[in-house]
Amino acid sequence: MVVNDLKIKREDNKFTEYNPESDYTIKIPGLADAANDGLSDACRRVAKDGTNRQCEVLSLVDIETGKQKYYELGDYEQVGGEKFWSFIEDNPNGNFAFVHNHPTDSFLSSIDMQTFAGNTPIKLILSTSNDGLKRIAHGNIKKPGVFFDVYYENDVKVLRDKLKNGTLDYPEYSFELEKLKVEKAINEFANLGFWEVDGRV
C-alpha cells in the first residue's frame, strides 16, 4: 500500500482533553459491526481515562468480536509494559487492535509502528488524541523483532550524514528521523489501510 497523501507534520504537543461532543466512532472497512463498535467504545474510553489520569491508556480489542481483551494505564509518554508483552506472548494467535490515546495531538510514533509491524497478533494500531484526532494503521504483513533504525539503515544513514555535515541541526534531525520511520512503516506494513480521521469539534 502506498499512502501518497500522508503528511506527518509538527504538532503543537499541547495536552488535549476528552470532549464528550467529539466523534470517537471507528468504521474500518471489512470489519464486522461488532468489531467497529468495540473499537469505537475503546477509543472513547482511552481518551476519557487518559484525560482524567493524564497518561496514555491501552485497550487491546479483539477485531473479530469487538471485545476488550486487555487494558493498561501507562504514563504521560508511553503505554505497553511488561504485562502487555506477557499477554502478547501468551496469545500468539490473537487478532488484536492496539487502541491507545496520545495526551497530545502527536502522530503515531515509530515505537507504535514497531509494535504494530513486529507482532503478529496486532493487526491494527490506533491512536487518538484525547479530543478525537484518530490515526489508524491496519495490516497483516509482519516482521517479528523489527528495529527500524537497522531495517531502514540506508535511509537513516542519509539523515545521519546530514546531521554530521550540518545540513540538519539535531532537533530537525530527530523530527525527520521519526517522520521517515513512521512514513516508511505505514507504506510497508499498513497494507489493509491507513486512515486519519478528525473527530474533534
N, C-alpha and C. Protein backbone atom coordinates (compact mmCIF):
# COMPACT_ATOMS: atom_id res chain seq x y z
N MET A 1 0.85 -1.19 0.00
CA MET A 1 0.00 0.00 0.00
C MET A 1 0.88 1.24 0.00
N VAL A 2 0.59 2.19 -0.85
CA VAL A 2 1.32 3.45 -0.87
C VAL A 2 0.37 4.56 -0.43
N VAL A 3 0.77 5.25 0.60
CA VAL A 3 -0.05 6.35 1.11
C VAL A 3 0.52 7.64 0.55
N ASN A 4 0.01 8.02 -0.62
CA ASN A 4 0.61 9.15 -1.33
C ASN A 4 0.38 10.49 -0.64
N ASP A 5 -0.74 10.63 0.06
CA ASP A 5 -1.06 11.92 0.65
C ASP A 5 -0.73 11.99 2.14
N LEU A 6 0.10 11.05 2.62
CA LEU A 6 0.48 11.04 4.03
C LEU A 6 1.40 12.22 4.31
N LYS A 7 0.99 13.06 5.24
CA LYS A 7 1.80 14.22 5.59
C LYS A 7 1.92 14.29 7.12
N ILE A 8 3.07 13.89 7.60
CA ILE A 8 3.33 13.98 9.03
C ILE A 8 3.93 15.35 9.28
N LYS A 9 3.27 16.13 10.12
CA LYS A 9 3.74 17.49 10.39
C LYS A 9 3.99 17.66 11.87
N ARG A 10 4.67 18.71 12.20
CA ARG A 10 4.89 19.02 13.61
C ARG A 10 3.55 19.37 14.24
N GLU A 11 3.29 18.79 15.39
CA GLU A 11 2.06 19.09 16.11
C GLU A 11 2.40 20.09 17.21
N ASP A 12 1.37 20.66 17.84
CA ASP A 12 1.69 21.66 18.88
C ASP A 12 2.01 21.03 20.24
N ASN A 13 1.72 19.73 20.38
CA ASN A 13 2.07 18.98 21.59
C ASN A 13 1.51 19.56 22.87
N LYS A 14 0.38 20.23 22.76
CA LYS A 14 -0.31 20.69 23.97
C LYS A 14 -1.23 19.58 24.46
N PHE A 15 -1.42 19.50 25.76
CA PHE A 15 -2.30 18.48 26.34
C PHE A 15 -3.71 18.67 25.80
N THR A 16 -4.31 17.58 25.37
CA THR A 16 -5.67 17.63 24.85
C THR A 16 -6.62 16.99 25.87
N GLU A 17 -7.85 17.43 25.88
CA GLU A 17 -8.81 16.92 26.86
C GLU A 17 -9.98 16.23 26.17
N TYR A 18 -10.46 15.20 26.82
CA TYR A 18 -11.64 14.48 26.34
C TYR A 18 -12.80 15.44 26.17
N ASN A 19 -13.49 15.29 25.05
CA ASN A 19 -14.66 16.11 24.77
C ASN A 19 -15.82 15.17 24.46
N PRO A 20 -16.84 15.12 25.30
CA PRO A 20 -17.95 14.20 25.04
C PRO A 20 -18.69 14.48 23.74
N GLU A 21 -18.49 15.68 23.16
CA GLU A 21 -19.14 16.01 21.90
C GLU A 21 -18.33 15.55 20.68
N SER A 22 -17.06 15.17 20.89
CA SER A 22 -16.23 14.71 19.78
C SER A 22 -16.70 13.36 19.27
N ASP A 23 -16.31 13.04 18.05
CA ASP A 23 -16.70 11.77 17.43
C ASP A 23 -15.54 10.79 17.56
N TYR A 24 -15.72 9.76 18.36
CA TYR A 24 -14.72 8.73 18.56
C TYR A 24 -15.08 7.45 17.79
N THR A 25 -16.04 7.57 16.88
CA THR A 25 -16.51 6.42 16.12
C THR A 25 -15.43 5.89 15.18
N ILE A 26 -15.33 4.56 15.12
CA ILE A 26 -14.41 3.90 14.21
C ILE A 26 -15.22 3.07 13.21
N LYS A 27 -14.88 3.20 11.92
CA LYS A 27 -15.54 2.42 10.88
C LYS A 27 -14.49 1.90 9.91
N ILE A 28 -13.94 0.73 10.23
CA ILE A 28 -12.91 0.13 9.40
C ILE A 28 -13.59 -0.77 8.36
N PRO A 29 -13.38 -0.50 7.06
CA PRO A 29 -13.99 -1.36 6.03
C PRO A 29 -13.56 -2.81 6.22
N GLY A 30 -14.53 -3.71 6.06
CA GLY A 30 -14.24 -5.13 6.15
C GLY A 30 -14.39 -5.72 7.54
N LEU A 31 -14.47 -4.88 8.57
CA LEU A 31 -14.68 -5.39 9.91
C LEU A 31 -16.17 -5.45 10.22
N ALA A 32 -16.55 -6.42 11.03
CA ALA A 32 -17.94 -6.56 11.43
C ALA A 32 -18.39 -5.37 12.26
N ASP A 33 -19.69 -5.13 12.30
CA ASP A 33 -20.23 -4.03 13.10
C ASP A 33 -19.83 -4.15 14.56
N ALA A 34 -19.83 -5.38 15.08
CA ALA A 34 -19.48 -5.60 16.48
C ALA A 34 -18.03 -5.19 16.74
N ALA A 35 -17.15 -5.45 15.78
CA ALA A 35 -15.75 -5.07 15.93
C ALA A 35 -15.60 -3.56 15.91
N ASN A 36 -16.24 -2.90 14.95
CA ASN A 36 -16.17 -1.44 14.87
C ASN A 36 -16.79 -0.79 16.10
N ASP A 37 -17.88 -1.36 16.61
CA ASP A 37 -18.49 -0.82 17.83
C ASP A 37 -17.53 -0.96 19.02
N GLY A 38 -16.85 -2.11 19.11
CA GLY A 38 -15.89 -2.31 20.19
C GLY A 38 -14.70 -1.36 20.09
N LEU A 39 -14.23 -1.13 18.87
CA LEU A 39 -13.13 -0.18 18.67
C LEU A 39 -13.56 1.24 19.04
N SER A 40 -14.77 1.60 18.66
CA SER A 40 -15.29 2.93 18.98
C SER A 40 -15.40 3.12 20.49
N ASP A 41 -15.92 2.11 21.19
CA ASP A 41 -16.02 2.19 22.64
C ASP A 41 -14.64 2.32 23.28
N ALA A 42 -13.69 1.54 22.77
CA ALA A 42 -12.33 1.58 23.31
C ALA A 42 -11.68 2.94 23.05
N CYS A 43 -11.91 3.49 21.87
CA CYS A 43 -11.34 4.79 21.52
C CYS A 43 -11.84 5.87 22.48
N ARG A 44 -13.12 5.88 22.72
CA ARG A 44 -13.69 6.86 23.66
C ARG A 44 -13.15 6.62 25.08
N ARG A 45 -13.06 5.36 25.49
CA ARG A 45 -12.64 5.03 26.85
C ARG A 45 -11.20 5.47 27.13
N VAL A 46 -10.28 5.18 26.16
CA VAL A 46 -8.88 5.55 26.42
C VAL A 46 -8.71 7.07 26.44
N ALA A 47 -9.49 7.78 25.61
CA ALA A 47 -9.41 9.24 25.61
C ALA A 47 -9.93 9.82 26.92
N LYS A 48 -11.03 9.27 27.40
CA LYS A 48 -11.61 9.77 28.65
C LYS A 48 -10.72 9.45 29.85
N ASP A 49 -10.27 8.19 29.93
CA ASP A 49 -9.41 7.80 31.05
C ASP A 49 -8.06 8.49 30.98
N GLY A 50 -7.55 8.67 29.75
CA GLY A 50 -6.27 9.35 29.57
C GLY A 50 -6.31 10.79 30.01
N THR A 51 -7.45 11.45 29.79
CA THR A 51 -7.62 12.83 30.25
C THR A 51 -7.69 12.87 31.77
N ASN A 52 -8.50 11.99 32.34
CA ASN A 52 -8.68 12.00 33.80
C ASN A 52 -7.38 11.70 34.54
N ARG A 53 -6.57 10.80 33.98
CA ARG A 53 -5.34 10.38 34.67
C ARG A 53 -4.09 11.04 34.10
N GLN A 54 -4.25 11.79 33.01
CA GLN A 54 -3.13 12.46 32.33
C GLN A 54 -2.02 11.47 32.01
N CYS A 55 -2.41 10.42 31.29
CA CYS A 55 -1.45 9.39 30.90
C CYS A 55 -1.93 8.74 29.60
N GLU A 56 -1.09 7.88 29.04
CA GLU A 56 -1.51 7.05 27.93
C GLU A 56 -2.21 5.81 28.49
N VAL A 57 -3.24 5.38 27.77
CA VAL A 57 -4.04 4.24 28.18
C VAL A 57 -4.15 3.30 26.97
N LEU A 58 -4.06 2.00 27.23
CA LEU A 58 -4.12 0.99 26.19
C LEU A 58 -5.31 0.07 26.39
N SER A 59 -6.01 -0.20 25.30
CA SER A 59 -7.05 -1.22 25.29
C SER A 59 -6.79 -2.12 24.09
N LEU A 60 -6.59 -3.41 24.34
CA LEU A 60 -6.48 -4.38 23.25
C LEU A 60 -7.86 -4.93 22.97
N VAL A 61 -8.30 -4.81 21.74
CA VAL A 61 -9.64 -5.22 21.34
C VAL A 61 -9.54 -6.34 20.32
N ASP A 62 -10.32 -7.38 20.50
CA ASP A 62 -10.40 -8.45 19.52
C ASP A 62 -11.10 -7.91 18.27
N ILE A 63 -10.43 -7.92 17.13
CA ILE A 63 -11.01 -7.29 15.94
C ILE A 63 -12.04 -8.17 15.24
N GLU A 64 -12.30 -9.34 15.80
CA GLU A 64 -13.39 -10.16 15.27
C GLU A 64 -14.67 -9.98 16.09
N THR A 65 -14.51 -9.87 17.41
CA THR A 65 -15.69 -9.78 18.28
C THR A 65 -15.95 -8.39 18.83
N GLY A 66 -14.92 -7.53 18.84
CA GLY A 66 -15.05 -6.20 19.42
C GLY A 66 -14.89 -6.19 20.93
N LYS A 67 -14.56 -7.32 21.52
CA LYS A 67 -14.44 -7.38 22.98
C LYS A 67 -13.06 -6.95 23.44
N GLN A 68 -13.03 -6.21 24.54
CA GLN A 68 -11.75 -5.81 25.13
C GLN A 68 -11.11 -7.01 25.79
N LYS A 69 -9.83 -7.23 25.46
CA LYS A 69 -9.11 -8.39 25.99
C LYS A 69 -8.02 -8.00 26.98
N TYR A 70 -7.62 -6.73 26.95
CA TYR A 70 -6.54 -6.29 27.83
C TYR A 70 -6.66 -4.78 28.00
N TYR A 71 -6.30 -4.29 29.19
CA TYR A 71 -6.40 -2.85 29.49
C TYR A 71 -5.21 -2.48 30.37
N GLU A 72 -4.61 -1.33 30.09
CA GLU A 72 -3.43 -0.92 30.86
C GLU A 72 -3.33 0.60 30.93
N LEU A 73 -2.97 1.11 32.09
CA LEU A 73 -2.62 2.52 32.27
C LEU A 73 -1.11 2.66 32.16
N GLY A 74 -0.67 3.64 31.37
CA GLY A 74 0.76 3.88 31.24
C GLY A 74 1.15 5.15 31.95
N ASP A 75 2.12 5.87 31.38
CA ASP A 75 2.48 7.17 31.92
C ASP A 75 2.21 8.22 30.83
N TYR A 76 2.71 9.42 30.99
CA TYR A 76 2.37 10.50 30.07
C TYR A 76 2.90 10.25 28.66
N GLU A 77 4.00 9.48 28.55
CA GLU A 77 4.65 9.34 27.24
C GLU A 77 4.52 7.97 26.60
N GLN A 78 4.11 6.95 27.36
CA GLN A 78 4.04 5.63 26.75
C GLN A 78 3.14 4.69 27.54
N VAL A 79 2.78 3.61 26.86
CA VAL A 79 1.99 2.55 27.49
C VAL A 79 2.39 1.25 26.80
N GLY A 80 2.24 0.15 27.51
CA GLY A 80 2.62 -1.15 26.96
C GLY A 80 3.83 -1.69 27.68
N GLY A 81 3.63 -2.08 28.93
CA GLY A 81 4.74 -2.55 29.76
C GLY A 81 4.87 -4.07 29.77
N GLU A 82 5.50 -4.56 30.82
CA GLU A 82 5.83 -5.98 30.92
C GLU A 82 4.60 -6.87 30.85
N LYS A 83 3.50 -6.48 31.49
CA LYS A 83 2.29 -7.30 31.48
C LYS A 83 1.69 -7.37 30.07
N PHE A 84 1.77 -6.26 29.34
CA PHE A 84 1.29 -6.27 27.97
C PHE A 84 2.07 -7.27 27.13
N TRP A 85 3.41 -7.24 27.23
CA TRP A 85 4.22 -8.14 26.43
C TRP A 85 4.00 -9.59 26.83
N SER A 86 3.75 -9.84 28.10
CA SER A 86 3.42 -11.19 28.54
C SER A 86 2.10 -11.65 27.92
N PHE A 87 1.13 -10.73 27.86
CA PHE A 87 -0.16 -11.05 27.26
C PHE A 87 0.01 -11.40 25.78
N ILE A 88 0.81 -10.63 25.06
CA ILE A 88 1.04 -10.89 23.64
C ILE A 88 1.72 -12.25 23.45
N GLU A 89 2.71 -12.54 24.30
CA GLU A 89 3.39 -13.84 24.21
C GLU A 89 2.42 -14.99 24.47
N ASP A 90 1.49 -14.79 25.39
CA ASP A 90 0.53 -15.84 25.74
C ASP A 90 -0.59 -16.00 24.73
N ASN A 91 -0.69 -15.04 23.79
CA ASN A 91 -1.77 -15.06 22.79
C ASN A 91 -1.21 -14.88 21.38
N PRO A 92 -0.33 -15.79 20.95
CA PRO A 92 0.33 -15.60 19.65
C PRO A 92 -0.61 -15.68 18.46
N ASN A 93 -1.78 -16.27 18.64
CA ASN A 93 -2.73 -16.40 17.53
C ASN A 93 -3.87 -15.39 17.62
N GLY A 94 -3.70 -14.39 18.46
CA GLY A 94 -4.74 -13.38 18.62
C GLY A 94 -4.86 -12.47 17.41
N ASN A 95 -5.98 -11.80 17.32
CA ASN A 95 -6.22 -10.79 16.28
C ASN A 95 -6.67 -9.52 16.99
N PHE A 96 -5.71 -8.69 17.36
CA PHE A 96 -6.00 -7.56 18.23
C PHE A 96 -5.80 -6.22 17.55
N ALA A 97 -6.59 -5.26 18.01
CA ALA A 97 -6.36 -3.85 17.72
C ALA A 97 -5.74 -3.23 18.97
N PHE A 98 -4.65 -2.54 18.79
CA PHE A 98 -3.96 -1.83 19.86
C PHE A 98 -4.50 -0.40 19.85
N VAL A 99 -5.45 -0.13 20.73
CA VAL A 99 -6.12 1.18 20.78
C VAL A 99 -5.54 1.95 21.96
N HIS A 100 -5.00 3.13 21.68
CA HIS A 100 -4.43 3.92 22.77
C HIS A 100 -4.58 5.41 22.49
N ASN A 101 -4.50 6.18 23.54
CA ASN A 101 -4.58 7.63 23.39
C ASN A 101 -3.18 8.23 23.41
N HIS A 102 -3.06 9.39 22.80
CA HIS A 102 -1.89 10.25 22.96
C HIS A 102 -2.39 11.49 23.69
N PRO A 103 -1.77 11.85 24.80
CA PRO A 103 -2.23 13.02 25.53
C PRO A 103 -2.21 14.31 24.71
N THR A 104 -1.32 14.35 23.69
CA THR A 104 -1.26 15.50 22.79
C THR A 104 -1.84 15.09 21.45
N ASP A 105 -1.69 15.94 20.43
CA ASP A 105 -2.18 15.60 19.10
C ASP A 105 -1.11 14.92 18.25
N SER A 106 -0.11 14.32 18.89
CA SER A 106 1.01 13.73 18.17
C SER A 106 0.59 12.55 17.30
N PHE A 107 1.36 12.33 16.24
CA PHE A 107 1.09 11.28 15.25
C PHE A 107 1.44 9.92 15.85
N LEU A 108 1.09 8.84 15.15
CA LEU A 108 1.61 7.52 15.51
C LEU A 108 3.14 7.62 15.57
N SER A 109 3.73 7.04 16.60
CA SER A 109 5.18 7.13 16.77
C SER A 109 5.87 5.95 16.10
N SER A 110 7.20 6.04 15.97
CA SER A 110 7.95 4.91 15.42
C SER A 110 7.85 3.71 16.36
N ILE A 111 7.76 3.93 17.66
CA ILE A 111 7.58 2.82 18.60
C ILE A 111 6.22 2.18 18.39
N ASP A 112 5.18 3.00 18.19
CA ASP A 112 3.86 2.47 17.85
C ASP A 112 3.95 1.56 16.62
N MET A 113 4.63 2.05 15.60
CA MET A 113 4.69 1.32 14.34
C MET A 113 5.55 0.07 14.45
N GLN A 114 6.60 0.11 15.28
CA GLN A 114 7.39 -1.10 15.51
C GLN A 114 6.56 -2.15 16.23
N THR A 115 5.75 -1.72 17.19
CA THR A 115 4.87 -2.65 17.90
C THR A 115 3.89 -3.28 16.92
N PHE A 116 3.34 -2.47 16.04
CA PHE A 116 2.39 -2.93 15.03
C PHE A 116 3.05 -3.87 14.02
N ALA A 117 4.20 -3.48 13.50
CA ALA A 117 4.85 -4.24 12.44
C ALA A 117 5.51 -5.52 12.95
N GLY A 118 5.93 -5.52 14.19
CA GLY A 118 6.74 -6.62 14.69
C GLY A 118 6.01 -7.69 15.47
N ASN A 119 4.69 -7.57 15.60
CA ASN A 119 3.95 -8.52 16.43
C ASN A 119 2.73 -9.04 15.68
N THR A 120 2.77 -10.32 15.36
CA THR A 120 1.72 -10.96 14.57
C THR A 120 0.32 -10.78 15.14
N PRO A 121 0.11 -10.85 16.46
CA PRO A 121 -1.26 -10.71 16.97
C PRO A 121 -1.86 -9.31 16.80
N ILE A 122 -1.03 -8.29 16.56
CA ILE A 122 -1.54 -6.92 16.46
C ILE A 122 -1.78 -6.58 15.00
N LYS A 123 -3.03 -6.62 14.61
CA LYS A 123 -3.40 -6.39 13.21
C LYS A 123 -3.75 -4.94 12.92
N LEU A 124 -3.97 -4.16 13.97
CA LEU A 124 -4.40 -2.78 13.80
C LEU A 124 -3.86 -1.96 14.96
N ILE A 125 -3.36 -0.78 14.66
CA ILE A 125 -2.95 0.12 15.74
C ILE A 125 -3.67 1.45 15.53
N LEU A 126 -4.20 1.96 16.61
CA LEU A 126 -5.00 3.19 16.57
C LEU A 126 -4.54 4.11 17.69
N SER A 127 -4.25 5.34 17.34
CA SER A 127 -4.01 6.35 18.37
C SER A 127 -5.06 7.44 18.22
N THR A 128 -5.48 7.98 19.34
CA THR A 128 -6.38 9.13 19.32
C THR A 128 -5.86 10.18 20.27
N SER A 129 -5.91 11.43 19.84
CA SER A 129 -5.71 12.49 20.81
C SER A 129 -6.91 12.44 21.75
N ASN A 130 -6.75 12.96 22.94
CA ASN A 130 -7.87 12.89 23.89
C ASN A 130 -9.13 13.55 23.35
N ASP A 131 -8.95 14.54 22.46
CA ASP A 131 -10.12 15.24 21.93
C ASP A 131 -10.60 14.72 20.58
N GLY A 132 -10.05 13.57 20.11
CA GLY A 132 -10.67 12.89 18.99
C GLY A 132 -9.99 12.87 17.63
N LEU A 133 -8.71 13.21 17.53
CA LEU A 133 -7.99 13.10 16.26
C LEU A 133 -7.36 11.70 16.19
N LYS A 134 -7.87 10.87 15.26
CA LYS A 134 -7.51 9.46 15.23
C LYS A 134 -6.60 9.15 14.03
N ARG A 135 -5.59 8.28 14.29
CA ARG A 135 -4.76 7.73 13.23
C ARG A 135 -4.82 6.21 13.35
N ILE A 136 -5.04 5.53 12.23
CA ILE A 136 -5.31 4.09 12.25
C ILE A 136 -4.51 3.41 11.15
N ALA A 137 -3.71 2.41 11.52
CA ALA A 137 -3.00 1.59 10.55
C ALA A 137 -3.46 0.15 10.71
N HIS A 138 -3.78 -0.50 9.58
CA HIS A 138 -4.33 -1.86 9.58
C HIS A 138 -3.53 -2.69 8.59
N GLY A 139 -3.07 -3.85 9.03
CA GLY A 139 -2.30 -4.68 8.12
C GLY A 139 -1.96 -6.03 8.70
N ASN A 140 -1.55 -6.93 7.80
CA ASN A 140 -1.18 -8.27 8.24
C ASN A 140 0.20 -8.68 7.76
N ILE A 141 0.99 -7.74 7.28
CA ILE A 141 2.39 -8.01 6.95
C ILE A 141 3.19 -7.78 8.23
N LYS A 142 3.95 -8.78 8.64
CA LYS A 142 4.66 -8.68 9.91
C LYS A 142 6.15 -9.00 9.75
N LYS A 143 6.94 -8.37 10.59
CA LYS A 143 8.39 -8.58 10.61
C LYS A 143 8.80 -8.70 12.08
N PRO A 144 8.65 -9.90 12.67
CA PRO A 144 8.93 -10.06 14.10
C PRO A 144 10.32 -9.54 14.48
N GLY A 145 10.35 -8.78 15.57
CA GLY A 145 11.61 -8.25 16.07
C GLY A 145 12.18 -7.09 15.27
N VAL A 146 11.38 -6.50 14.40
CA VAL A 146 11.90 -5.42 13.55
C VAL A 146 12.37 -4.24 14.40
N PHE A 147 13.50 -3.67 13.99
CA PHE A 147 14.04 -2.47 14.61
C PHE A 147 14.33 -1.50 13.48
N PHE A 148 13.55 -0.44 13.39
CA PHE A 148 13.55 0.40 12.20
C PHE A 148 14.89 1.07 11.91
N ASP A 149 15.68 1.40 12.92
CA ASP A 149 16.97 2.04 12.66
C ASP A 149 17.87 1.12 11.82
N VAL A 150 17.72 -0.18 12.02
CA VAL A 150 18.50 -1.16 11.25
C VAL A 150 17.77 -1.51 9.96
N TYR A 151 16.47 -1.72 10.04
CA TYR A 151 15.67 -2.13 8.89
C TYR A 151 15.70 -1.07 7.78
N TYR A 152 15.68 0.19 8.15
CA TYR A 152 15.75 1.28 7.18
C TYR A 152 17.13 1.95 7.23
N GLU A 153 18.14 1.13 7.40
CA GLU A 153 19.50 1.61 7.66
C GLU A 153 20.00 2.59 6.62
N ASN A 154 19.80 2.31 5.34
CA ASN A 154 20.32 3.19 4.30
C ASN A 154 19.69 4.58 4.36
N ASP A 155 18.38 4.62 4.58
CA ASP A 155 17.69 5.91 4.67
C ASP A 155 18.11 6.67 5.93
N VAL A 156 18.27 5.93 7.01
CA VAL A 156 18.69 6.55 8.27
C VAL A 156 20.09 7.13 8.12
N LYS A 157 20.96 6.42 7.39
CA LYS A 157 22.33 6.91 7.19
C LYS A 157 22.35 8.24 6.44
N VAL A 158 21.45 8.40 5.47
CA VAL A 158 21.39 9.67 4.73
C VAL A 158 21.09 10.82 5.69
N LEU A 159 20.15 10.60 6.60
CA LEU A 159 19.83 11.65 7.58
C LEU A 159 20.99 11.89 8.53
N ARG A 160 21.64 10.83 8.97
CA ARG A 160 22.79 11.00 9.88
C ARG A 160 23.92 11.79 9.23
N ASP A 161 24.11 11.54 7.93
CA ASP A 161 25.14 12.30 7.20
C ASP A 161 24.78 13.78 7.16
N LYS A 162 23.49 14.08 7.01
CA LYS A 162 23.06 15.48 7.01
C LYS A 162 23.27 16.13 8.38
N LEU A 163 23.10 15.35 9.42
CA LEU A 163 23.38 15.86 10.76
C LEU A 163 24.87 16.13 10.93
N LYS A 164 25.68 15.19 10.45
CA LYS A 164 27.14 15.33 10.59
C LYS A 164 27.68 16.52 9.81
N ASN A 165 27.13 16.75 8.61
CA ASN A 165 27.67 17.85 7.80
C ASN A 165 26.99 19.19 8.07
N GLY A 166 26.06 19.21 9.02
CA GLY A 166 25.45 20.47 9.42
C GLY A 166 24.24 20.89 8.60
N THR A 167 23.81 20.04 7.64
CA THR A 167 22.62 20.36 6.86
C THR A 167 21.37 20.37 7.74
N LEU A 168 21.35 19.48 8.74
CA LEU A 168 20.26 19.43 9.71
C LEU A 168 20.82 19.66 11.10
N ASP A 169 20.13 20.48 11.91
CA ASP A 169 20.51 20.55 13.31
C ASP A 169 19.83 19.39 14.04
N TYR A 170 20.17 19.20 15.32
CA TYR A 170 19.70 17.99 15.99
C TYR A 170 18.17 17.93 16.13
N PRO A 171 17.50 19.02 16.51
CA PRO A 171 16.02 18.92 16.59
C PRO A 171 15.38 18.57 15.25
N GLU A 172 15.90 19.15 14.17
CA GLU A 172 15.35 18.85 12.85
C GLU A 172 15.64 17.40 12.46
N TYR A 173 16.85 16.95 12.77
CA TYR A 173 17.22 15.56 12.50
C TYR A 173 16.29 14.60 13.24
N SER A 174 16.03 14.86 14.51
CA SER A 174 15.16 13.99 15.30
C SER A 174 13.76 13.91 14.70
N PHE A 175 13.24 15.07 14.28
CA PHE A 175 11.92 15.09 13.67
C PHE A 175 11.91 14.32 12.35
N GLU A 176 12.90 14.57 11.50
CA GLU A 176 12.95 13.92 10.19
C GLU A 176 13.18 12.42 10.31
N LEU A 177 13.94 12.00 11.31
CA LEU A 177 14.18 10.58 11.53
C LEU A 177 12.89 9.88 11.94
N GLU A 178 12.17 10.47 12.86
CA GLU A 178 10.90 9.90 13.30
C GLU A 178 9.91 9.85 12.13
N LYS A 179 9.84 10.92 11.38
CA LYS A 179 8.93 11.00 10.23
C LYS A 179 9.28 9.93 9.20
N LEU A 180 10.55 9.77 8.92
CA LEU A 180 11.00 8.78 7.95
C LEU A 180 10.55 7.38 8.34
N LYS A 181 10.80 7.00 9.60
CA LYS A 181 10.49 5.65 10.04
C LYS A 181 8.98 5.39 10.03
N VAL A 182 8.21 6.36 10.47
CA VAL A 182 6.76 6.18 10.52
C VAL A 182 6.17 6.12 9.11
N GLU A 183 6.58 7.02 8.23
CA GLU A 183 6.05 7.01 6.86
C GLU A 183 6.39 5.72 6.14
N LYS A 184 7.64 5.27 6.26
CA LYS A 184 8.05 4.04 5.59
C LYS A 184 7.28 2.84 6.15
N ALA A 185 7.11 2.81 7.46
CA ALA A 185 6.41 1.69 8.08
C ALA A 185 4.94 1.65 7.68
N ILE A 186 4.30 2.81 7.61
CA ILE A 186 2.90 2.84 7.18
C ILE A 186 2.78 2.34 5.75
N ASN A 187 3.65 2.81 4.88
CA ASN A 187 3.60 2.38 3.48
C ASN A 187 3.87 0.89 3.31
N GLU A 188 4.72 0.34 4.17
CA GLU A 188 5.10 -1.06 4.03
C GLU A 188 4.17 -2.02 4.77
N PHE A 189 3.74 -1.64 5.97
CA PHE A 189 3.06 -2.60 6.83
C PHE A 189 1.54 -2.38 6.95
N ALA A 190 1.06 -1.19 6.62
CA ALA A 190 -0.39 -0.93 6.70
C ALA A 190 -1.04 -1.29 5.38
N ASN A 191 -0.88 -2.55 4.97
CA ASN A 191 -1.34 -2.97 3.64
C ASN A 191 -2.86 -3.08 3.54
N LEU A 192 -3.55 -3.09 4.68
CA LEU A 192 -5.02 -3.15 4.65
C LEU A 192 -5.67 -1.79 4.84
N GLY A 193 -4.84 -0.77 5.03
CA GLY A 193 -5.40 0.58 5.09
C GLY A 193 -4.76 1.46 6.13
N PHE A 194 -4.75 2.75 5.84
CA PHE A 194 -4.34 3.77 6.79
C PHE A 194 -5.34 4.91 6.71
N TRP A 195 -5.79 5.38 7.88
CA TRP A 195 -6.75 6.47 7.93
C TRP A 195 -6.36 7.48 8.98
N GLU A 196 -6.59 8.73 8.67
CA GLU A 196 -6.52 9.81 9.66
C GLU A 196 -7.93 10.42 9.69
N VAL A 197 -8.57 10.33 10.84
CA VAL A 197 -9.96 10.76 10.97
C VAL A 197 -10.05 11.77 12.10
N ASP A 198 -10.47 12.98 11.77
CA ASP A 198 -10.55 14.05 12.76
C ASP A 198 -11.98 14.14 13.30
N GLY A 199 -12.15 13.67 14.53
CA GLY A 199 -13.45 13.73 15.16
C GLY A 199 -13.62 14.89 16.11
N ARG A 200 -12.66 15.81 16.09
CA ARG A 200 -12.73 16.95 17.00
C ARG A 200 -13.83 17.92 16.62
N VAL A 201 -14.36 18.61 17.64
CA VAL A 201 -15.37 19.63 17.37
C VAL A 201 -14.93 20.95 17.97
